[in-house]
Amino acid sequence: MEPALDELWPEVHRRYCTRYLCKNFKGHYLGPLMHQLFCRVVNAYSEYTFKKALERLVQEGGRRATRWMLDLENQEKWCSHALISA
């Protein structure tokens, strides 16, 4: 679907739905704390707060949860700080 959208509307910026990402994340990493940390990472408005939120995610959820988030494609499609700087 991405290639078709790129061909039809190349100048339109698209983002991933954070509700959908959160649902997938919660399927692997349970608990209200993990949900809260996910929201902190996704909604970070500066690179500094993004890195701090990732550090906290490593502390609480281990490296697997952090790797799950960082393995997502382009950060500017799902993270607020990257969208602002893009």
C-alpha atoms as a PDB file:
ATOM      1  CA  MET A   1       0.000   0.000   0.000  1.00  0.00           C
ATOM      2  CA  GLU A   2       2.871   2.398   0.775  1.00  0.00           C
ATOM      3  CA  PRO A   3       4.220   2.349  -2.816  1.00  0.00           C
ATOM      4  CA  ALA A   4       0.761   3.129  -4.224  1.00  0.00           C
ATOM      5  CA  LEU A   5       0.281   6.034  -1.816  1.00  0.00           C
ATOM      6  CA  ASP A   6       3.763   7.327  -2.612  1.00  0.00           C
ATOM      7  CA  GLU A   7       2.914   7.269  -6.303  1.00  0.00           C
ATOM      8  CA  LEU A   8      -0.479   8.975  -5.918  1.00  0.00           C
ATOM      9  CA  TRP A   9       0.418  11.527  -3.227  1.00  0.00           C
ATOM     10  CA  PRO A  10       4.203  11.768  -2.924  1.00  0.00           C
ATOM     11  CA  GLU A  11       4.130  15.074  -1.030  1.00  0.00           C
ATOM     12  CA  VAL A  12       1.633  13.972   1.636  1.00  0.00           C
ATOM     13  CA  HIS A  13       3.161  13.114   5.008  1.00  0.00           C
ATOM     14  CA  ARG A  14       1.703   9.953   6.549  1.00  0.00           C
ATOM     15  CA  ARG A  15       2.019   8.642  10.081  1.00  0.00           C
ATOM     16  CA  TYR A  16       1.359   5.329  11.726  1.00  0.00           C
ATOM     17  CA  CYS A  17      -1.671   5.094  13.973  1.00  0.00           C
ATOM     18  CA  THR A  18      -0.342   5.049  17.523  1.00  0.00           C
ATOM     19  CA  ARG A  19      -3.459   3.239  18.753  1.00  0.00           C
ATOM     20  CA  TYR A  20      -2.658   0.373  16.396  1.00  0.00           C
ATOM     21  CA  LEU A  21       1.007   0.383  17.405  1.00  0.00           C
ATOM     22  CA  CYS A  22       0.028   0.427  21.071  1.00  0.00           C
ATOM     23  CA  LYS A  23      -2.310  -2.517  20.598  1.00  0.00           C
ATOM     24  CA  ASN A  24       0.512  -4.526  19.019  1.00  0.00           C
ATOM     25  CA  PHE A  25       2.959  -3.432  21.722  1.00  0.00           C
ATOM     26  CA  LYS A  26       0.552  -4.404  24.507  1.00  0.00           C
ATOM     27  CA  GLY A  27       0.179  -7.829  22.913  1.00  0.00           C
ATOM     28  CA  HIS A  28       3.858  -8.474  23.673  1.00  0.00           C
ATOM     29  CA  TYR A  29       4.446  -6.346  26.786  1.00  0.00           C
ATOM     30  CA  LEU A  30       1.637  -6.408  29.321  1.00  0.00           C
ATOM     31  CA  GLY A  31       0.802  -4.063  32.153  1.00  0.00           C
ATOM     32  CA  PRO A  32      -0.215  -0.474  32.712  1.00  0.00           C
ATOM     33  CA  LEU A  33       3.383   0.651  33.278  1.00  0.00           C
ATOM     34  CA  MET A  34       4.436  -0.643  29.855  1.00  0.00           C
ATOM     35  CA  HIS A  35       1.482   1.188  28.268  1.00  0.00           C
ATOM     36  CA  GLN A  36       2.485   4.404  30.047  1.00  0.00           C
ATOM     37  CA  LEU A  37       6.116   4.054  28.931  1.00  0.00           C
ATOM     38  CA  PHE A  38       5.021   3.377  25.356  1.00  0.00           C
ATOM     39  CA  CYS A  39       3.005   6.605  25.408  1.00  0.00           C
ATOM     40  CA  ARG A  40       5.959   8.545  26.803  1.00  0.00           C
ATOM     41  CA  VAL A  41       8.213   7.361  23.987  1.00  0.00           C
ATOM     42  CA  VAL A  42       5.687   8.006  21.226  1.00  0.00           C
ATOM     43  CA  ASN A  43       4.633  11.421  22.542  1.00  0.00           C
ATOM     44  CA  ALA A  44       8.103  12.774  23.329  1.00  0.00           C
ATOM     45  CA  TYR A  45       8.425  16.203  21.715  1.00  0.00           C
ATOM     46  CA  SER A  46      12.193  16.502  21.900  1.00  0.00           C
ATOM     47  CA  GLU A  47      15.052  14.141  21.240  1.00  0.00           C
ATOM     48  CA  TYR A  48      16.133  14.502  24.872  1.00  0.00           C
ATOM     49  CA  THR A  49      12.758  13.384  26.283  1.00  0.00           C
ATOM     50  CA  PHE A  50      12.621  10.622  23.653  1.00  0.00           C
ATOM     51  CA  LYS A  51      15.979   9.237  24.808  1.00  0.00           C
ATOM     52  CA  LYS A  52      14.997   9.536  28.474  1.00  0.00           C
ATOM     53  CA  ALA A  53      11.735   7.672  27.802  1.00  0.00           C
ATOM     54  CA  LEU A  54      13.644   4.934  25.977  1.00  0.00           C
ATOM     55  CA  GLU A  55      16.079   4.641  28.896  1.00  0.00           C
ATOM     56  CA  ARG A  56      13.163   4.192  31.294  1.00  0.00           C
ATOM     57  CA  LEU A  57      11.654   1.601  28.966  1.00  0.00           C
ATOM     58  CA  VAL A  58      14.958  -0.317  29.049  1.00  0.00           C
ATOM     59  CA  GLN A  59      14.943  -0.201  32.859  1.00  0.00           C
ATOM     60  CA  GLU A  60      11.370  -1.415  33.238  1.00  0.00           C
ATOM     61  CA  GLY A  61      10.745  -3.562  30.193  1.00  0.00           C
ATOM     62  CA  GLY A  62      14.144  -4.730  29.199  1.00  0.00           C
ATOM     63  CA  ARG A  63      15.902  -4.343  25.911  1.00  0.00           C
ATOM     64  CA  ARG A  64      13.348  -6.406  23.983  1.00  0.00           C
ATOM     65  CA  ALA A  65      10.593  -3.811  24.432  1.00  0.00           C
ATOM     66  CA  THR A  66      12.940  -1.029  23.375  1.00  0.00           C
ATOM     67  CA  ARG A  67      14.174  -3.038  20.389  1.00  0.00           C
ATOM     68  CA  TRP A  68      10.541  -3.614  19.364  1.00  0.00           C
ATOM     69  CA  MET A  69       9.984   0.130  19.182  1.00  0.00           C
ATOM     70  CA  LEU A  70      13.262   0.953  17.478  1.00  0.00           C
ATOM     71  CA  ASP A  71      12.711  -1.773  14.873  1.00  0.00           C
ATOM     72  CA  LEU A  72       9.670   0.113  13.614  1.00  0.00           C
ATOM     73  CA  GLU A  73      10.398   1.722  10.279  1.00  0.00           C
ATOM     74  CA  ASN A  74      10.951   5.473  10.112  1.00  0.00           C
ATOM     75  CA  GLN A  75      10.715   7.317  13.421  1.00  0.00           C
ATOM     76  CA  GLU A  76       9.105  10.315  11.747  1.00  0.00           C
ATOM     77  CA  LYS A  77       6.064   8.129  11.055  1.00  0.00           C
ATOM     78  CA  TRP A  78       5.368   7.275  14.679  1.00  0.00           C
ATOM     79  CA  CYS A  79       7.273   9.558  17.027  1.00  0.00           C
ATOM     80  CA  SER A  80       6.332  13.173  17.750  1.00  0.00           C
ATOM     81  CA  HIS A  81       9.867  14.522  18.108  1.00  0.00           C
ATOM     82  CA  ALA A  82      10.876  13.141  14.701  1.00  0.00           C
ATOM     83  CA  LEU A  83       7.733  14.520  13.058  1.00  0.00           C
ATOM     84  CA  ILE A  84       8.473  18.013  14.329  1.00  0.00           C
ATOM     85  CA  SER A  85      12.064  17.927  13.071  1.00  0.00           C
ATOM     86  CA  ALA A  86      11.097  16.378   9.711  1.00  0.00           C
END
